[in-house]
Amino acid sequence: MRTTLTLDPDVAARLDSEMKRSGEGMKAVVNRALRVGLGMTDKPVRPEPFRVAPHDFGFRPGVDLDRLNQLVDELDAEEAARKLGR
């Protein structure tokens, strides 16, 4: 929900100092403060951590996946040499 909120000067100053202290944006700080103030602290404040599901790409052992571009270049060079009859 998007809304406009007018803050008292003391609340605005405290909000600003909490944003600087935590390194979070205004939205996160206000939502956390409202959850505490409204007695919603039993609900999770942070989203679930991102999980990566591993996948087997079927590469053979010994293939360095970080050097696949080099392998492609070498295969291209070999193909070019073969076409030139070297």
PDB file of N, CA and C in Angstrom:
ATOM      1  N   MET A   1       0.845  -1.169   0.000  1.00  0.00           N
ATOM      2  CA  MET A   1       0.000   0.000   0.000  1.00  0.00           C
ATOM      3  C   MET A   1       0.895   1.239   0.000  1.00  0.00           C
ATOM      4  N   ARG A   2       0.595   2.158  -0.857  1.00  0.00           N
ATOM      5  CA  ARG A   2       1.345   3.398  -0.937  1.00  0.00           C
ATOM      6  C   ARG A   2       0.527   4.496  -0.268  1.00  0.00           C
ATOM      7  N   THR A   3       1.183   5.272   0.610  1.00  0.00           N
ATOM      8  CA  THR A   3       0.473   6.332   1.316  1.00  0.00           C
ATOM      9  C   THR A   3       1.422   7.476   1.641  1.00  0.00           C
ATOM     10  N   THR A   4       0.855   8.626   1.929  1.00  0.00           N
ATOM     11  CA  THR A   4       1.640   9.780   2.375  1.00  0.00           C
ATOM     12  C   THR A   4       1.489   9.888   3.874  1.00  0.00           C
ATOM     13  N   LEU A   5       2.595  10.127   4.545  1.00  0.00           N
ATOM     14  CA  LEU A   5       2.603  10.171   6.001  1.00  0.00           C
ATOM     15  C   LEU A   5       3.345  11.410   6.453  1.00  0.00           C
ATOM     16  N   THR A   6       2.729  12.213   7.319  1.00  0.00           N
ATOM     17  CA  THR A   6       3.391  13.390   7.874  1.00  0.00           C
ATOM     18  C   THR A   6       3.924  13.026   9.256  1.00  0.00           C
ATOM     19  N   LEU A   7       5.234  13.172   9.426  1.00  0.00           N
ATOM     20  CA  LEU A   7       5.882  12.802  10.686  1.00  0.00           C
ATOM     21  C   LEU A   7       6.166  14.033  11.529  1.00  0.00           C
ATOM     22  N   ASP A   8       6.049  13.869  12.837  1.00  0.00           N
ATOM     23  CA  ASP A   8       6.470  14.932  13.749  1.00  0.00           C
ATOM     24  C   ASP A   8       7.982  15.054  13.660  1.00  0.00           C
ATOM     25  N   PRO A   9       8.533  16.240  13.924  1.00  0.00           N
ATOM     26  CA  PRO A   9       9.979  16.447  13.775  1.00  0.00           C
ATOM     27  C   PRO A   9      10.830  15.480  14.588  1.00  0.00           C
ATOM     28  N   ASP A  10      10.410  15.155  15.810  1.00  0.00           N
ATOM     29  CA  ASP A  10      11.214  14.236  16.624  1.00  0.00           C
ATOM     30  C   ASP A  10      11.202  12.820  16.043  1.00  0.00           C
ATOM     31  N   VAL A  11      10.067  12.404  15.496  1.00  0.00           N
ATOM     32  CA  VAL A  11       9.967  11.080  14.882  1.00  0.00           C
ATOM     33  C   VAL A  11      10.794  11.034  13.599  1.00  0.00           C
ATOM     34  N   ALA A  12      10.736  12.107  12.814  1.00  0.00           N
ATOM     35  CA  ALA A  12      11.512  12.175  11.573  1.00  0.00           C
ATOM     36  C   ALA A  12      13.006  12.110  11.872  1.00  0.00           C
ATOM     37  N   ALA A  13      13.434  12.812  12.935  1.00  0.00           N
ATOM     38  CA  ALA A  13      14.849  12.793  13.305  1.00  0.00           C
ATOM     39  C   ALA A  13      15.275  11.394  13.744  1.00  0.00           C
ATOM     40  N   ARG A  14      14.430  10.719  14.507  1.00  0.00           N
ATOM     41  CA  ARG A  14      14.746   9.362  14.968  1.00  0.00           C
ATOM     42  C   ARG A  14      14.781   8.386  13.794  1.00  0.00           C
ATOM     43  N   LEU A  15      13.856   8.576  12.864  1.00  0.00           N
ATOM     44  CA  LEU A  15      13.819   7.746  11.662  1.00  0.00           C
ATOM     45  C   LEU A  15      15.094   7.929  10.851  1.00  0.00           C
ATOM     46  N   ASP A  16      15.511   9.166  10.689  1.00  0.00           N
ATOM     47  CA  ASP A  16      16.734   9.453   9.944  1.00  0.00           C
ATOM     48  C   ASP A  16      17.953   8.822  10.612  1.00  0.00           C
ATOM     49  N   SER A  17      18.043   8.940  11.930  1.00  0.00           N
ATOM     50  CA  SER A  17      19.196   8.360  12.623  1.00  0.00           C
ATOM     51  C   SER A  17      19.183   6.831  12.550  1.00  0.00           C
ATOM     52  N   GLU A  18      18.003   6.211  12.581  1.00  0.00           N
ATOM     53  CA  GLU A  18      17.911   4.747  12.465  1.00  0.00           C
ATOM     54  C   GLU A  18      18.277   4.286  11.058  1.00  0.00           C
ATOM     55  N   MET A  19      17.899   5.067  10.042  1.00  0.00           N
ATOM     56  CA  MET A  19      18.280   4.736   8.678  1.00  0.00           C
ATOM     57  C   MET A  19      19.796   4.779   8.525  1.00  0.00           C
ATOM     58  N   LYS A  20      20.433   5.778   9.099  1.00  0.00           N
ATOM     59  CA  LYS A  20      21.891   5.888   9.025  1.00  0.00           C
ATOM     60  C   LYS A  20      22.556   4.754   9.804  1.00  0.00           C
ATOM     61  N   ARG A  21      22.023   4.443  10.990  1.00  0.00           N
ATOM     62  CA  ARG A  21      22.614   3.406  11.823  1.00  0.00           C
ATOM     63  C   ARG A  21      22.521   2.036  11.167  1.00  0.00           C
ATOM     64  N   SER A  22      21.337   1.716  10.630  1.00  0.00           N
ATOM     65  CA  SER A  22      21.112   0.376  10.094  1.00  0.00           C
ATOM     66  C   SER A  22      21.549   0.222   8.637  1.00  0.00           C
ATOM     67  N   GLY A  23      21.654   1.347   7.920  1.00  0.00           N
ATOM     68  CA  GLY A  23      21.984   1.276   6.504  1.00  0.00           C
ATOM     69  C   GLY A  23      20.796   0.858   5.643  1.00  0.00           C
ATOM     70  N   GLU A  24      19.624   0.801   6.232  1.00  0.00           N
ATOM     71  CA  GLU A  24      18.408   0.423   5.519  1.00  0.00           C
ATOM     72  C   GLU A  24      17.691   1.672   5.022  1.00  0.00           C
ATOM     73  N   GLY A  25      16.806   1.478   4.073  1.00  0.00           N
ATOM     74  CA  GLY A  25      16.010   2.571   3.547  1.00  0.00           C
ATOM     75  C   GLY A  25      14.837   2.897   4.459  1.00  0.00           C
ATOM     76  N   MET A  26      14.173   3.998   4.123  1.00  0.00           N
ATOM     77  CA  MET A  26      13.053   4.459   4.939  1.00  0.00           C
ATOM     78  C   MET A  26      11.943   3.411   5.019  1.00  0.00           C
ATOM     79  N   LYS A  27      11.622   2.788   3.902  1.00  0.00           N
ATOM     80  CA  LYS A  27      10.540   1.814   3.880  1.00  0.00           C
ATOM     81  C   LYS A  27      10.798   0.669   4.864  1.00  0.00           C
ATOM     82  N   ALA A  28      12.006   0.135   4.846  1.00  0.00           N
ATOM     83  CA  ALA A  28      12.335  -0.995   5.726  1.00  0.00           C
ATOM     84  C   ALA A  28      12.280  -0.587   7.195  1.00  0.00           C
ATOM     85  N   VAL A  29      12.823   0.593   7.510  1.00  0.00           N
ATOM     86  CA  VAL A  29      12.845   1.044   8.901  1.00  0.00           C
ATOM     87  C   VAL A  29      11.433   1.320   9.400  1.00  0.00           C
ATOM     88  N   VAL A  30      10.609   1.996   8.594  1.00  0.00           N
ATOM     89  CA  VAL A  30       9.238   2.299   9.004  1.00  0.00           C
ATOM     90  C   VAL A  30       8.440   1.009   9.169  1.00  0.00           C
ATOM     91  N   ASN A  31       8.562   0.086   8.231  1.00  0.00           N
ATOM     92  CA  ASN A  31       7.816  -1.176   8.347  1.00  0.00           C
ATOM     93  C   ASN A  31       8.233  -1.960   9.590  1.00  0.00           C
ATOM     94  N   ARG A  32       9.521  -2.006   9.881  1.00  0.00           N
ATOM     95  CA  ARG A  32       9.985  -2.726  11.073  1.00  0.00           C
ATOM     96  C   ARG A  32       9.442  -2.064  12.336  1.00  0.00           C
ATOM     97  N   ALA A  33       9.494  -0.721  12.404  1.00  0.00           N
ATOM     98  CA  ALA A  33       9.002   0.001  13.583  1.00  0.00           C
ATOM     99  C   ALA A  33       7.496  -0.198  13.759  1.00  0.00           C
ATOM    100  N   LEU A  34       6.753  -0.179  12.658  1.00  0.00           N
ATOM    101  CA  LEU A  34       5.315  -0.389  12.753  1.00  0.00           C
ATOM    102  C   LEU A  34       4.989  -1.817  13.188  1.00  0.00           C
ATOM    103  N   ARG A  35       5.744  -2.797  12.698  1.00  0.00           N
ATOM    104  CA  ARG A  35       5.506  -4.179  13.130  1.00  0.00           C
ATOM    105  C   ARG A  35       5.713  -4.324  14.639  1.00  0.00           C
ATOM    106  N   VAL A  36       6.778  -3.713  15.141  1.00  0.00           N
ATOM    107  CA  VAL A  36       7.041  -3.778  16.586  1.00  0.00           C
ATOM    108  C   VAL A  36       5.934  -3.056  17.336  1.00  0.00           C
ATOM    109  N   GLY A  37       5.587  -1.845  16.873  1.00  0.00           N
ATOM    110  CA  GLY A  37       4.568  -1.044  17.551  1.00  0.00           C
ATOM    111  C   GLY A  37       3.186  -1.663  17.510  1.00  0.00           C
ATOM    112  N   LEU A  38       2.889  -2.409  16.472  1.00  0.00           N
ATOM    113  CA  LEU A  38       1.570  -3.033  16.337  1.00  0.00           C
ATOM    114  C   LEU A  38       1.534  -4.465  16.878  1.00  0.00           C
ATOM    115  N   GLY A  39       2.623  -4.880  17.518  1.00  0.00           N
ATOM    116  CA  GLY A  39       2.653  -6.204  18.128  1.00  0.00           C
ATOM    117  C   GLY A  39       2.742  -7.331  17.123  1.00  0.00           C
ATOM    118  N   MET A  40       3.385  -7.081  16.001  1.00  0.00           N
ATOM    119  CA  MET A  40       3.494  -8.093  14.949  1.00  0.00           C
ATOM    120  C   MET A  40       4.894  -8.698  14.908  1.00  0.00           C
ATOM    121  N   THR A  41       5.612  -8.662  16.015  1.00  0.00           N
ATOM    122  CA  THR A  41       6.996  -9.123  16.014  1.00  0.00           C
ATOM    123  C   THR A  41       7.136 -10.627  15.876  1.00  0.00           C
ATOM    124  N   ASP A  42       6.037 -11.374  16.053  1.00  0.00           N
ATOM    125  CA  ASP A  42       6.129 -12.819  15.888  1.00  0.00           C
ATOM    126  C   ASP A  42       6.149 -13.217  14.416  1.00  0.00           C
ATOM    127  N   LYS A  43       5.843 -12.270  13.523  1.00  0.00           N
ATOM    128  CA  LYS A  43       5.871 -12.548  12.090  1.00  0.00           C
ATOM    129  C   LYS A  43       7.270 -12.272  11.547  1.00  0.00           C
ATOM    130  N   PRO A  44       7.727 -13.038  10.560  1.00  0.00           N
ATOM    131  CA  PRO A  44       9.067 -12.810  10.020  1.00  0.00           C
ATOM    132  C   PRO A  44       9.175 -11.440   9.355  1.00  0.00           C
ATOM    133  N   VAL A  45      10.270 -10.766   9.646  1.00  0.00           N
ATOM    134  CA  VAL A  45      10.502  -9.443   9.083  1.00  0.00           C
ATOM    135  C   VAL A  45      11.250  -9.561   7.769  1.00  0.00           C
ATOM    136  N   ARG A  46      12.146 -10.510   7.668  1.00  0.00           N
ATOM    137  CA  ARG A  46      12.960 -10.676   6.466  1.00  0.00           C
ATOM    138  C   ARG A  46      12.409 -11.828   5.610  1.00  0.00           C
ATOM    139  N   PRO A  47      12.540 -11.701   4.292  1.00  0.00           N
ATOM    140  CA  PRO A  47      12.089 -12.797   3.432  1.00  0.00           C
ATOM    141  C   PRO A  47      12.976 -14.020   3.589  1.00  0.00           C
ATOM    142  N   GLU A  48      12.469 -15.147   3.139  1.00  0.00           N
ATOM    143  CA  GLU A  48      13.251 -16.386   3.170  1.00  0.00           C
ATOM    144  C   GLU A  48      14.511 -16.212   2.330  1.00  0.00           C
ATOM    145  N   PRO A  49      15.626 -16.814   2.731  1.00  0.00           N
ATOM    146  CA  PRO A  49      16.851 -16.691   1.943  1.00  0.00           C
ATOM    147  C   PRO A  49      16.700 -17.355   0.573  1.00  0.00           C
ATOM    148  N   PHE A  50      17.367 -16.783  -0.403  1.00  0.00           N
ATOM    149  CA  PHE A  50      17.341 -17.315  -1.760  1.00  0.00           C
ATOM    150  C   PHE A  50      18.134 -18.614  -1.801  1.00  0.00           C
ATOM    151  N   ARG A  51      17.567 -19.637  -2.387  1.00  0.00           N
ATOM    152  CA  ARG A  51      18.221 -20.939  -2.490  1.00  0.00           C
ATOM    153  C   ARG A  51      18.505 -21.246  -3.960  1.00  0.00           C
ATOM    154  N   VAL A  52      19.664 -21.797  -4.215  1.00  0.00           N
ATOM    155  CA  VAL A  52      20.036 -22.209  -5.564  1.00  0.00           C
ATOM    156  C   VAL A  52      19.936 -23.729  -5.630  1.00  0.00           C
ATOM    157  N   ALA A  53      19.177 -24.200  -6.600  1.00  0.00           N
ATOM    158  CA  ALA A  53      19.046 -25.652  -6.792  1.00  0.00           C
ATOM    159  C   ALA A  53      20.135 -26.105  -7.761  1.00  0.00           C
ATOM    160  N   PRO A  54      21.031 -26.994  -7.336  1.00  0.00           N
ATOM    161  CA  PRO A  54      22.102 -27.449  -8.230  1.00  0.00           C
ATOM    162  C   PRO A  54      21.538 -28.275  -9.381  1.00  0.00           C
ATOM    163  N   HIS A  55      22.259 -28.253 -10.483  1.00  0.00           N
ATOM    164  CA  HIS A  55      21.846 -28.991 -11.674  1.00  0.00           C
ATOM    165  C   HIS A  55      23.066 -29.672 -12.282  1.00  0.00           C
ATOM    166  N   ASP A  56      22.926 -30.918 -12.640  1.00  0.00           N
ATOM    167  CA  ASP A  56      24.000 -31.658 -13.278  1.00  0.00           C
ATOM    168  C   ASP A  56      23.915 -31.441 -14.780  1.00  0.00           C
ATOM    169  N   PHE A  57      24.903 -30.738 -15.352  1.00  0.00           N
ATOM    170  CA  PHE A  57      24.902 -30.438 -16.776  1.00  0.00           C
ATOM    171  C   PHE A  57      25.509 -31.567 -17.605  1.00  0.00           C
ATOM    172  N   GLY A  58      26.034 -32.582 -16.953  1.00  0.00           N
ATOM    173  CA  GLY A  58      26.543 -33.735 -17.665  1.00  0.00           C
ATOM    174  C   GLY A  58      27.957 -33.587 -18.200  1.00  0.00           C
ATOM    175  N   PHE A  59      28.737 -32.610 -17.732  1.00  0.00           N
ATOM    176  CA  PHE A  59      30.116 -32.465 -18.178  1.00  0.00           C
ATOM    177  C   PHE A  59      30.960 -33.576 -17.571  1.00  0.00           C
ATOM    178  N   ARG A  60      31.927 -34.012 -18.327  1.00  0.00           N
ATOM    179  CA  ARG A  60      32.807 -35.066 -17.851  1.00  0.00           C
ATOM    180  C   ARG A  60      33.796 -34.510 -16.834  1.00  0.00           C
ATOM    181  N   PRO A  61      34.260 -35.357 -15.915  1.00  0.00           N
ATOM    182  CA  PRO A  61      35.278 -34.908 -14.964  1.00  0.00           C
ATOM    183  C   PRO A  61      36.513 -34.401 -15.703  1.00  0.00           C
ATOM    184  N   GLY A  62      37.091 -33.328 -15.216  1.00  0.00           N
ATOM    185  CA  GLY A  62      38.283 -32.758 -15.834  1.00  0.00           C
ATOM    186  C   GLY A  62      37.984 -31.587 -16.751  1.00  0.00           C
ATOM    187  N   VAL A  63      36.720 -31.374 -17.106  1.00  0.00           N
ATOM    188  CA  VAL A  63      36.361 -30.226 -17.935  1.00  0.00           C
ATOM    189  C   VAL A  63      36.254 -29.010 -17.022  1.00  0.00           C
ATOM    190  N   ASP A  64      37.090 -27.999 -17.287  1.00  0.00           N
ATOM    191  CA  ASP A  64      37.097 -26.782 -16.474  1.00  0.00           C
ATOM    192  C   ASP A  64      36.026 -25.839 -17.026  1.00  0.00           C
ATOM    193  N   LEU A  65      34.921 -25.725 -16.320  1.00  0.00           N
ATOM    194  CA  LEU A  65      33.802 -24.916 -16.795  1.00  0.00           C
ATOM    195  C   LEU A  65      34.147 -23.429 -16.870  1.00  0.00           C
ATOM    196  N   ASP A  66      35.168 -23.012 -16.128  1.00  0.00           N
ATOM    197  CA  ASP A  66      35.580 -21.610 -16.168  1.00  0.00           C
ATOM    198  C   ASP A  66      36.392 -21.289 -17.424  1.00  0.00           C
ATOM    199  N   ARG A  67      36.782 -22.313 -18.167  1.00  0.00           N
ATOM    200  CA  ARG A  67      37.625 -22.090 -19.350  1.00  0.00           C
ATOM    201  C   ARG A  67      36.945 -22.558 -20.640  1.00  0.00           C
ATOM    202  N   LEU A  68      35.630 -22.617 -20.652  1.00  0.00           N
ATOM    203  CA  LEU A  68      34.920 -23.079 -21.843  1.00  0.00           C
ATOM    204  C   LEU A  68      35.125 -22.139 -23.026  1.00  0.00           C
ATOM    205  N   ASN A  69      35.219 -20.828 -22.790  1.00  0.00           N
ATOM    206  CA  ASN A  69      35.464 -19.888 -23.895  1.00  0.00           C
ATOM    207  C   ASN A  69      36.804 -20.178 -24.565  1.00  0.00           C
ATOM    208  N   GLN A  70      37.815 -20.510 -23.764  1.00  0.00           N
ATOM    209  CA  GLN A  70      39.122 -20.840 -24.326  1.00  0.00           C
ATOM    210  C   GLN A  70      39.017 -22.103 -25.166  1.00  0.00           C
ATOM    211  N   LEU A  71      38.252 -23.085 -24.705  1.00  0.00           N
ATOM    212  CA  LEU A  71      38.059 -24.314 -25.469  1.00  0.00           C
ATOM    213  C   LEU A  71      37.394 -24.025 -26.812  1.00  0.00           C
ATOM    214  N   VAL A  72      36.384 -23.171 -26.815  1.00  0.00           N
ATOM    215  CA  VAL A  72      35.710 -22.808 -28.064  1.00  0.00           C
ATOM    216  C   VAL A  72      36.685 -22.130 -29.015  1.00  0.00           C
ATOM    217  N   ASP A  73      37.512 -21.212 -28.493  1.00  0.00           N
ATOM    218  CA  ASP A  73      38.509 -20.540 -29.330  1.00  0.00           C
ATOM    219  C   ASP A  73      39.488 -21.541 -29.943  1.00  0.00           C
ATOM    220  N   GLU A  74      39.944 -22.508 -29.148  1.00  0.00           N
ATOM    221  CA  GLU A  74      40.886 -23.507 -29.647  1.00  0.00           C
ATOM    222  C   GLU A  74      40.232 -24.379 -30.725  1.00  0.00           C
ATOM    223  N   LEU A  75      38.989 -24.756 -30.524  1.00  0.00           N
ATOM    224  CA  LEU A  75      38.290 -25.557 -31.528  1.00  0.00           C
ATOM    225  C   LEU A  75      38.073 -24.771 -32.815  1.00  0.00           C
ATOM    226  N   ASP A  76      37.763 -23.481 -32.690  1.00  0.00           N
ATOM    227  CA  ASP A  76      37.612 -22.625 -33.873  1.00  0.00           C
ATOM    228  C   ASP A  76      38.929 -22.505 -34.630  1.00  0.00           C
ATOM    229  N   ALA A  77      40.024 -22.358 -33.887  1.00  0.00           N
ATOM    230  CA  ALA A  77      41.338 -22.233 -34.522  1.00  0.00           C
ATOM    231  C   ALA A  77      41.706 -23.531 -35.244  1.00  0.00           C
ATOM    232  N   GLU A  78      41.420 -24.666 -34.620  1.00  0.00           N
ATOM    233  CA  GLU A  78      41.695 -25.955 -35.254  1.00  0.00           C
ATOM    234  C   GLU A  78      40.864 -26.128 -36.525  1.00  0.00           C
ATOM    235  N   GLU A  79      39.608 -25.729 -36.480  1.00  0.00           N
ATOM    236  CA  GLU A  79      38.747 -25.830 -37.649  1.00  0.00           C
ATOM    237  C   GLU A  79      39.229 -24.931 -38.774  1.00  0.00           C
ATOM    238  N   ALA A  80      39.652 -23.711 -38.441  1.00  0.00           N
ATOM    239  CA  ALA A  80      40.168 -22.781 -39.444  1.00  0.00           C
ATOM    240  C   ALA A  80      41.444 -23.342 -40.076  1.00  0.00           C
ATOM    241  N   ALA A  81      42.319 -23.920 -39.245  1.00  0.00           N
ATOM    242  CA  ALA A  81      43.573 -24.507 -39.762  1.00  0.00           C
ATOM    243  C   ALA A  81      43.266 -25.696 -40.672  1.00  0.00           C
ATOM    244  N   ARG A  82      42.266 -26.504 -40.300  1.00  0.00           N
ATOM    245  CA  ARG A  82      41.894 -27.652 -41.113  1.00  0.00           C
ATOM    246  C   ARG A  82      41.370 -27.198 -42.478  1.00  0.00           C
ATOM    247  N   LYS A  83      40.568 -26.132 -42.494  1.00  0.00           N
ATOM    248  CA  LYS A  83      40.021 -25.627 -43.744  1.00  0.00           C
ATOM    249  C   LYS A  83      41.102 -25.036 -44.645  1.00  0.00           C
ATOM    250  N   LEU A  84      42.150 -24.484 -44.031  1.00  0.00           N
ATOM    251  CA  LEU A  84      43.248 -23.907 -44.812  1.00  0.00           C
ATOM    252  C   LEU A  84      44.221 -24.974 -45.272  1.00  0.00           C
ATOM    253  N   GLY A  85      44.039 -26.205 -44.800  1.00  0.00           N
ATOM    254  CA  GLY A  85      44.865 -27.332 -45.216  1.00  0.00           C
ATOM    255  C   GLY A  85      46.208 -27.401 -44.535  1.00  0.00           C
ATOM    256  N   ARG A  86      46.298 -26.864 -43.345  1.00  0.00           N
ATOM    257  CA  ARG A  86      47.572 -26.904 -42.621  1.00  0.00           C
ATOM    258  C   ARG A  86      47.727 -28.165 -41.848  1.00  0.00           C
TER     259      ARG A  86
END
